[in-house]
Amino acid sequence: MANIVYLILIVLVVLAGVLFGAANQQLVELDVLVTQFELRLVDITVLSLLLGVVLGIFISILFRLRSRFKKRASQTTTT
């Protein structure tokens, strides 16, 4: 039952993404330091979202590793 709910949620998210992409086709100029790009608004939005996800995962991994090292260090000093 839970698998069906997850499948429905995934389909709804993908459908929302397709609708968002279809509605935001206008070109936007993006200035990055010394270069300029002309991309569709949906492309910039997706790139920003992906960058945020990747950074979030990276920071989460760093915090997990730090807590594991602290836990190991406290276990080795107490024994």
PDB file of N, CA and C in Angstrom:
ATOM      1  N   MET A   1       0.809  -1.196   0.000  1.00  0.00           N
ATOM      2  CA  MET A   1       0.000   0.000   0.000  1.00  0.00           C
ATOM      3  C   MET A   1       0.856   1.267   0.000  1.00  0.00           C
ATOM      4  N   ALA A   2       1.924   1.247   0.798  1.00  0.00           N
ATOM      5  CA  ALA A   2       2.800   2.421   0.866  1.00  0.00           C
ATOM      6  C   ALA A   2       3.485   2.662  -0.477  1.00  0.00           C
ATOM      7  N   ASN A   3       3.818   1.586  -1.197  1.00  0.00           N
ATOM      8  CA  ASN A   3       4.466   1.734  -2.496  1.00  0.00           C
ATOM      9  C   ASN A   3       3.561   2.454  -3.485  1.00  0.00           C
ATOM     10  N   ILE A   4       2.278   2.184  -3.414  1.00  0.00           N
ATOM     11  CA  ILE A   4       1.330   2.839  -4.318  1.00  0.00           C
ATOM     12  C   ILE A   4       1.251   4.333  -4.005  1.00  0.00           C
ATOM     13  N   VAL A   5       1.260   4.676  -2.733  1.00  0.00           N
ATOM     14  CA  VAL A   5       1.217   6.085  -2.336  1.00  0.00           C
ATOM     15  C   VAL A   5       2.470   6.808  -2.831  1.00  0.00           C
ATOM     16  N   TYR A   6       3.635   6.184  -2.663  1.00  0.00           N
ATOM     17  CA  TYR A   6       4.878   6.791  -3.148  1.00  0.00           C
ATOM     18  C   TYR A   6       4.858   6.945  -4.656  1.00  0.00           C
ATOM     19  N   LEU A   7       4.356   5.954  -5.364  1.00  0.00           N
ATOM     20  CA  LEU A   7       4.281   6.024  -6.818  1.00  0.00           C
ATOM     21  C   LEU A   7       3.365   7.165  -7.250  1.00  0.00           C
ATOM     22  N   ILE A   8       2.228   7.317  -6.582  1.00  0.00           N
ATOM     23  CA  ILE A   8       1.311   8.404  -6.917  1.00  0.00           C
ATOM     24  C   ILE A   8       1.960   9.759  -6.642  1.00  0.00           C
ATOM     25  N   LEU A   9       2.674   9.886  -5.522  1.00  0.00           N
ATOM     26  CA  LEU A   9       3.364  11.143  -5.215  1.00  0.00           C
ATOM     27  C   LEU A   9       4.428  11.468  -6.253  1.00  0.00           C
ATOM     28  N   ILE A  10       5.178  10.473  -6.670  1.00  0.00           N
ATOM     29  CA  ILE A  10       6.220  10.694  -7.682  1.00  0.00           C
ATOM     30  C   ILE A  10       5.590  11.130  -8.999  1.00  0.00           C
ATOM     31  N   VAL A  11       4.509  10.482  -9.397  1.00  0.00           N
ATOM     32  CA  VAL A  11       3.829  10.856 -10.639  1.00  0.00           C
ATOM     33  C   VAL A  11       3.304  12.283 -10.552  1.00  0.00           C
ATOM     34  N   LEU A  12       2.739  12.675  -9.399  1.00  0.00           N
ATOM     35  CA  LEU A  12       2.244  14.037  -9.236  1.00  0.00           C
ATOM     36  C   LEU A  12       3.366  15.069  -9.296  1.00  0.00           C
ATOM     37  N   VAL A  13       4.502  14.770  -8.693  1.00  0.00           N
ATOM     38  CA  VAL A  13       5.637  15.698  -8.726  1.00  0.00           C
ATOM     39  C   VAL A  13       6.168  15.846 -10.146  1.00  0.00           C
ATOM     40  N   VAL A  14       6.284  14.732 -10.862  1.00  0.00           N
ATOM     41  CA  VAL A  14       6.761  14.791 -12.249  1.00  0.00           C
ATOM     42  C   VAL A  14       5.772  15.565 -13.113  1.00  0.00           C
ATOM     43  N   LEU A  15       4.492  15.330 -12.914  1.00  0.00           N
ATOM     44  CA  LEU A  15       3.473  16.044 -13.674  1.00  0.00           C
ATOM     45  C   LEU A  15       3.528  17.548 -13.386  1.00  0.00           C
ATOM     46  N   ALA A  16       3.704  17.905 -12.122  1.00  0.00           N
ATOM     47  CA  ALA A  16       3.830  19.326 -11.769  1.00  0.00           C
ATOM     48  C   ALA A  16       5.067  19.928 -12.428  1.00  0.00           C
ATOM     49  N   GLY A  17       6.172  19.184 -12.474  1.00  0.00           N
ATOM     50  CA  GLY A  17       7.386  19.659 -13.131  1.00  0.00           C
ATOM     51  C   GLY A  17       7.198  19.873 -14.619  1.00  0.00           C
ATOM     52  N   VAL A  18       6.497  18.958 -15.261  1.00  0.00           N
ATOM     53  CA  VAL A  18       6.236  19.093 -16.701  1.00  0.00           C
ATOM     54  C   VAL A  18       5.347  20.311 -16.965  1.00  0.00           C
ATOM     55  N   LEU A  19       4.323  20.485 -16.155  1.00  0.00           N
ATOM     56  CA  LEU A  19       3.453  21.653 -16.324  1.00  0.00           C
ATOM     57  C   LEU A  19       4.205  22.955 -16.067  1.00  0.00           C
ATOM     58  N   PHE A  20       5.056  22.961 -15.048  1.00  0.00           N
ATOM     59  CA  PHE A  20       5.861  24.146 -14.756  1.00  0.00           C
ATOM     60  C   PHE A  20       6.799  24.441 -15.922  1.00  0.00           C
ATOM     61  N   GLY A  21       7.415  23.405 -16.472  1.00  0.00           N
ATOM     62  CA  GLY A  21       8.320  23.588 -17.598  1.00  0.00           C
ATOM     63  C   GLY A  21       7.614  24.091 -18.837  1.00  0.00           C
ATOM     64  N   ALA A  22       6.406  23.626 -19.076  1.00  0.00           N
ATOM     65  CA  ALA A  22       5.658  24.061 -20.248  1.00  0.00           C
ATOM     66  C   ALA A  22       5.202  25.519 -20.116  1.00  0.00           C
ATOM     67  N   ALA A  23       4.972  25.957 -18.880  1.00  0.00           N
ATOM     68  CA  ALA A  23       4.470  27.317 -18.681  1.00  0.00           C
ATOM     69  C   ALA A  23       5.578  28.363 -18.621  1.00  0.00           C
ATOM     70  N   ASN A  24       6.839  27.962 -18.486  1.00  0.00           N
ATOM     71  CA  ASN A  24       7.941  28.914 -18.302  1.00  0.00           C
ATOM     72  C   ASN A  24       9.008  28.740 -19.386  1.00  0.00           C
ATOM     73  N   GLN A  25       8.644  29.046 -20.596  1.00  0.00           N
ATOM     74  CA  GLN A  25       9.550  28.865 -21.730  1.00  0.00           C
ATOM     75  C   GLN A  25      10.263  30.148 -22.151  1.00  0.00           C
ATOM     76  N   GLN A  26       9.977  31.277 -21.518  1.00  0.00           N
ATOM     77  CA  GLN A  26      10.581  32.529 -21.947  1.00  0.00           C
ATOM     78  C   GLN A  26      12.084  32.545 -21.641  1.00  0.00           C
ATOM     79  N   LEU A  27      12.824  33.239 -22.484  1.00  0.00           N
ATOM     80  CA  LEU A  27      14.265  33.343 -22.319  1.00  0.00           C
ATOM     81  C   LEU A  27      14.603  34.416 -21.292  1.00  0.00           C
ATOM     82  N   VAL A  28      15.600  34.107 -20.470  1.00  0.00           N
ATOM     83  CA  VAL A  28      16.059  35.022 -19.430  1.00  0.00           C
ATOM     84  C   VAL A  28      17.567  35.140 -19.572  1.00  0.00           C
ATOM     85  N   GLU A  29      18.083  36.359 -19.442  1.00  0.00           N
ATOM     86  CA  GLU A  29      19.523  36.575 -19.520  1.00  0.00           C
ATOM     87  C   GLU A  29      20.118  36.407 -18.131  1.00  0.00           C
ATOM     88  N   LEU A  30      21.148  35.578 -18.035  1.00  0.00           N
ATOM     89  CA  LEU A  30      21.806  35.287 -16.761  1.00  0.00           C
ATOM     90  C   LEU A  30      23.238  35.790 -16.846  1.00  0.00           C
ATOM     91  N   ASP A  31      23.596  36.755 -15.989  1.00  0.00           N
ATOM     92  CA  ASP A  31      24.951  37.296 -15.950  1.00  0.00           C
ATOM     93  C   ASP A  31      25.726  36.612 -14.836  1.00  0.00           C
ATOM     94  N   VAL A  32      26.824  35.937 -15.213  1.00  0.00           N
ATOM     95  CA  VAL A  32      27.669  35.248 -14.239  1.00  0.00           C
ATOM     96  C   VAL A  32      29.085  35.781 -14.385  1.00  0.00           C
ATOM     97  N   LEU A  33      29.495  36.612 -13.428  1.00  0.00           N
ATOM     98  CA  LEU A  33      30.815  37.248 -13.405  1.00  0.00           C
ATOM     99  C   LEU A  33      31.150  37.882 -14.742  1.00  0.00           C
ATOM    100  N   VAL A  34      31.853  37.181 -15.623  1.00  0.00           N
ATOM    101  CA  VAL A  34      32.310  37.798 -16.870  1.00  0.00           C
ATOM    102  C   VAL A  34      31.572  37.274 -18.095  1.00  0.00           C
ATOM    103  N   THR A  35      30.669  36.340 -17.923  1.00  0.00           N
ATOM    104  CA  THR A  35      29.950  35.781 -19.068  1.00  0.00           C
ATOM    105  C   THR A  35      28.455  36.011 -18.918  1.00  0.00           C
ATOM    106  N   GLN A  36      27.771  35.866 -20.035  1.00  0.00           N
ATOM    107  CA  GLN A  36      26.318  35.991 -20.050  1.00  0.00           C
ATOM    108  C   GLN A  36      25.734  34.771 -20.749  1.00  0.00           C
ATOM    109  N   PHE A  37      24.627  34.286 -20.218  1.00  0.00           N
ATOM    110  CA  PHE A  37      23.921  33.164 -20.814  1.00  0.00           C
ATOM    111  C   PHE A  37      22.486  33.587 -21.067  1.00  0.00           C
ATOM    112  N   GLU A  38      21.904  33.048 -22.105  1.00  0.00           N
ATOM    113  CA  GLU A  38      20.480  33.200 -22.333  1.00  0.00           C
ATOM    114  C   GLU A  38      19.872  31.821 -22.229  1.00  0.00           C
ATOM    115  N   LEU A  39      19.148  31.594 -21.140  1.00  0.00           N
ATOM    116  CA  LEU A  39      18.530  30.299 -20.877  1.00  0.00           C
ATOM    117  C   LEU A  39      17.042  30.489 -20.649  1.00  0.00           C
ATOM    118  N   ARG A  40      16.311  29.385 -20.796  1.00  0.00           N
ATOM    119  CA  ARG A  40      14.896  29.427 -20.462  1.00  0.00           C
ATOM    120  C   ARG A  40      14.747  29.516 -18.949  1.00  0.00           C
ATOM    121  N   LEU A  41      13.683  30.144 -18.503  1.00  0.00           N
ATOM    122  CA  LEU A  41      13.437  30.306 -17.076  1.00  0.00           C
ATOM    123  C   LEU A  41      13.356  28.964 -16.368  1.00  0.00           C
ATOM    124  N   VAL A  42      12.754  27.990 -17.001  1.00  0.00           N
ATOM    125  CA  VAL A  42      12.635  26.668 -16.390  1.00  0.00           C
ATOM    126  C   VAL A  42      14.012  26.018 -16.223  1.00  0.00           C
ATOM    127  N   ASP A  43      14.928  26.249 -17.151  1.00  0.00           N
ATOM    128  CA  ASP A  43      16.281  25.688 -17.034  1.00  0.00           C
ATOM    129  C   ASP A  43      17.017  26.282 -15.836  1.00  0.00           C
ATOM    130  N   ILE A  44      16.891  27.586 -15.657  1.00  0.00           N
ATOM    131  CA  ILE A  44      17.544  28.241 -14.522  1.00  0.00           C
ATOM    132  C   ILE A  44      16.951  27.737 -13.204  1.00  0.00           C
ATOM    133  N   THR A  45      15.647  27.567 -13.183  1.00  0.00           N
ATOM    134  CA  THR A  45      14.985  27.075 -11.976  1.00  0.00           C
ATOM    135  C   THR A  45      15.437  25.655 -11.639  1.00  0.00           C
ATOM    136  N   VAL A  46      15.503  24.786 -12.632  1.00  0.00           N
ATOM    137  CA  VAL A  46      15.932  23.402 -12.407  1.00  0.00           C
ATOM    138  C   VAL A  46      17.393  23.359 -11.966  1.00  0.00           C
ATOM    139  N   LEU A  47      18.247  24.165 -12.595  1.00  0.00           N
ATOM    140  CA  LEU A  47      19.656  24.196 -12.198  1.00  0.00           C
ATOM    141  C   LEU A  47      19.815  24.689 -10.759  1.00  0.00           C
ATOM    142  N   SER A  48      19.046  25.691 -10.385  1.00  0.00           N
ATOM    143  CA  SER A  48      19.101  26.195  -9.005  1.00  0.00           C
ATOM    144  C   SER A  48      18.628  25.135  -8.020  1.00  0.00           C
ATOM    145  N   LEU A  49      17.566  24.445  -8.364  1.00  0.00           N
ATOM    146  CA  LEU A  49      17.048  23.384  -7.500  1.00  0.00           C
ATOM    147  C   LEU A  49      18.068  22.257  -7.346  1.00  0.00           C
ATOM    148  N   LEU A  50      18.663  21.840  -8.447  1.00  0.00           N
ATOM    149  CA  LEU A  50      19.675  20.775  -8.382  1.00  0.00           C
ATOM    150  C   LEU A  50      20.893  21.197  -7.574  1.00  0.00           C
ATOM    151  N   LEU A  51      21.322  22.436  -7.752  1.00  0.00           N
ATOM    152  CA  LEU A  51      22.452  22.932  -6.970  1.00  0.00           C
ATOM    153  C   LEU A  51      22.126  22.929  -5.483  1.00  0.00           C
ATOM    154  N   GLY A  52      20.927  23.340  -5.128  1.00  0.00           N
ATOM    155  CA  GLY A  52      20.511  23.323  -3.729  1.00  0.00           C
ATOM    156  C   GLY A  52      20.454  21.915  -3.154  1.00  0.00           C
ATOM    157  N   VAL A  53      19.959  20.967  -3.934  1.00  0.00           N
ATOM    158  CA  VAL A  53      19.892  19.574  -3.476  1.00  0.00           C
ATOM    159  C   VAL A  53      21.289  19.015  -3.274  1.00  0.00           C
ATOM    160  N   VAL A  54      22.173  19.245  -4.236  1.00  0.00           N
ATOM    161  CA  VAL A  54      23.544  18.726  -4.133  1.00  0.00           C
ATOM    162  C   VAL A  54      24.266  19.338  -2.930  1.00  0.00           C
ATOM    163  N   LEU A  55      24.139  20.645  -2.744  1.00  0.00           N
ATOM    164  CA  LEU A  55      24.764  21.290  -1.585  1.00  0.00           C
ATOM    165  C   LEU A  55      24.178  20.784  -0.272  1.00  0.00           C
ATOM    166  N   GLY A  56      22.876  20.581  -0.236  1.00  0.00           N
ATOM    167  CA  GLY A  56      22.232  20.064   0.964  1.00  0.00           C
ATOM    168  C   GLY A  56      22.709  18.666   1.311  1.00  0.00           C
ATOM    169  N   ILE A  57      22.835  17.810   0.311  1.00  0.00           N
ATOM    170  CA  ILE A  57      23.331  16.446   0.536  1.00  0.00           C
ATOM    171  C   ILE A  57      24.775  16.491   1.011  1.00  0.00           C
ATOM    172  N   PHE A  58      25.586  17.333   0.397  1.00  0.00           N
ATOM    173  CA  PHE A  58      26.993  17.446   0.781  1.00  0.00           C
ATOM    174  C   PHE A  58      27.135  17.906   2.223  1.00  0.00           C
ATOM    175  N   ILE A  59      26.395  18.927   2.608  1.00  0.00           N
ATOM    176  CA  ILE A  59      26.471  19.433   3.981  1.00  0.00           C
ATOM    177  C   ILE A  59      25.946  18.395   4.969  1.00  0.00           C
ATOM    178  N   SER A  60      24.891  17.688   4.591  1.00  0.00           N
ATOM    179  CA  SER A  60      24.355  16.637   5.451  1.00  0.00           C
ATOM    180  C   SER A  60      25.380  15.529   5.672  1.00  0.00           C
ATOM    181  N   ILE A  61      26.085  15.144   4.629  1.00  0.00           N
ATOM    182  CA  ILE A  61      27.125  14.117   4.755  1.00  0.00           C
ATOM    183  C   ILE A  61      28.248  14.606   5.659  1.00  0.00           C
ATOM    184  N   LEU A  62      28.636  15.866   5.517  1.00  0.00           N
ATOM    185  CA  LEU A  62      29.685  16.409   6.375  1.00  0.00           C
ATOM    186  C   LEU A  62      29.286  16.374   7.848  1.00  0.00           C
ATOM    187  N   PHE A  63      28.042  16.763   8.159  1.00  0.00           N
ATOM    188  CA  PHE A  63      27.590  16.731   9.547  1.00  0.00           C
ATOM    189  C   PHE A  63      27.513  15.310  10.091  1.00  0.00           C
ATOM    190  N   ARG A  64      27.080  14.369   9.262  1.00  0.00           N
ATOM    191  CA  ARG A  64      27.031  12.969   9.700  1.00  0.00           C
ATOM    192  C   ARG A  64      28.428  12.440   9.993  1.00  0.00           C
ATOM    193  N   LEU A  65      29.370  12.742   9.111  1.00  0.00           N
ATOM    194  CA  LEU A  65      30.744  12.276   9.334  1.00  0.00           C
ATOM    195  C   LEU A  65      31.326  12.902  10.591  1.00  0.00           C
ATOM    196  N   ARG A  66      31.062  14.178  10.797  1.00  0.00           N
ATOM    197  CA  ARG A  66      31.577  14.852  11.980  1.00  0.00           C
ATOM    198  C   ARG A  66      31.007  14.246  13.260  1.00  0.00           C
ATOM    199  N   SER A  67      29.727  13.931  13.255  1.00  0.00           N
ATOM    200  CA  SER A  67      29.131  13.340  14.452  1.00  0.00           C
ATOM    201  C   SER A  67      29.652  11.920  14.681  1.00  0.00           C
ATOM    202  N   ARG A  68      29.908  11.181  13.613  1.00  0.00           N
ATOM    203  CA  ARG A  68      30.480   9.834  13.772  1.00  0.00           C
ATOM    204  C   ARG A  68      31.884   9.906  14.363  1.00  0.00           C
ATOM    205  N   PHE A  69      32.680  10.853  13.870  1.00  0.00           N
ATOM    206  CA  PHE A  69      34.044  10.981  14.395  1.00  0.00           C
ATOM    207  C   PHE A  69      34.032  11.411  15.853  1.00  0.00           C
ATOM    208  N   LYS A  70      33.115  12.311  16.215  1.00  0.00           N
ATOM    209  CA  LYS A  70      33.008  12.722  17.610  1.00  0.00           C
ATOM    210  C   LYS A  70      32.578  11.553  18.487  1.00  0.00           C
ATOM    211  N   LYS A  71      31.650  10.749  17.981  1.00  0.00           N
ATOM    212  CA  LYS A  71      31.167   9.596  18.737  1.00  0.00           C
ATOM    213  C   LYS A  71      32.294   8.583  18.943  1.00  0.00           C
ATOM    214  N   ARG A  72      33.057   8.315  17.898  1.00  0.00           N
ATOM    215  CA  ARG A  72      34.188   7.390  18.015  1.00  0.00           C
ATOM    216  C   ARG A  72      35.253   7.920  18.964  1.00  0.00           C
ATOM    217  N   ALA A  73      35.504   9.227  18.883  1.00  0.00           N
ATOM    218  CA  ALA A  73      36.524   9.816  19.750  1.00  0.00           C
ATOM    219  C   ALA A  73      36.090   9.732  21.217  1.00  0.00           C
ATOM    220  N   SER A  74      34.817   9.931  21.473  1.00  0.00           N
ATOM    221  CA  SER A  74      34.342   9.855  22.865  1.00  0.00           C
ATOM    222  C   SER A  74      34.342   8.412  23.357  1.00  0.00           C
ATOM    223  N   GLN A  75      34.123   7.445  22.481  1.00  0.00           N
ATOM    224  CA  GLN A  75      34.145   6.036  22.868  1.00  0.00           C
ATOM    225  C   GLN A  75      35.565   5.566  23.152  1.00  0.00           C
ATOM    226  N   THR A  76      36.534   6.055  22.412  1.00  0.00           N
ATOM    227  CA  THR A  76      37.905   5.611  22.615  1.00  0.00           C
ATOM    228  C   THR A  76      38.509   6.250  23.863  1.00  0.00           C
ATOM    229  N   THR A  77      38.050   7.441  24.234  1.00  0.00           N
ATOM    230  CA  THR A  77      38.601   8.073  25.441  1.00  0.00           C
ATOM    231  C   THR A  77      37.980   7.515  26.720  1.00  0.00           C
ATOM    232  N   THR A  78      36.766   6.988  26.622  1.00  0.00           N
ATOM    233  CA  THR A  78      36.109   6.447  27.817  1.00  0.00           C
ATOM    234  C   THR A  78      36.505   5.013  28.097  1.00  0.00           C
ATOM    235  N   THR A  79      36.997   4.289  27.110  1.00  0.00           N
ATOM    236  CA  THR A  79      37.365   2.876  27.333  1.00  0.00           C
ATOM    237  C   THR A  79      38.833   2.714  27.584  1.00  0.00           C
TER     238      THR A  79
END
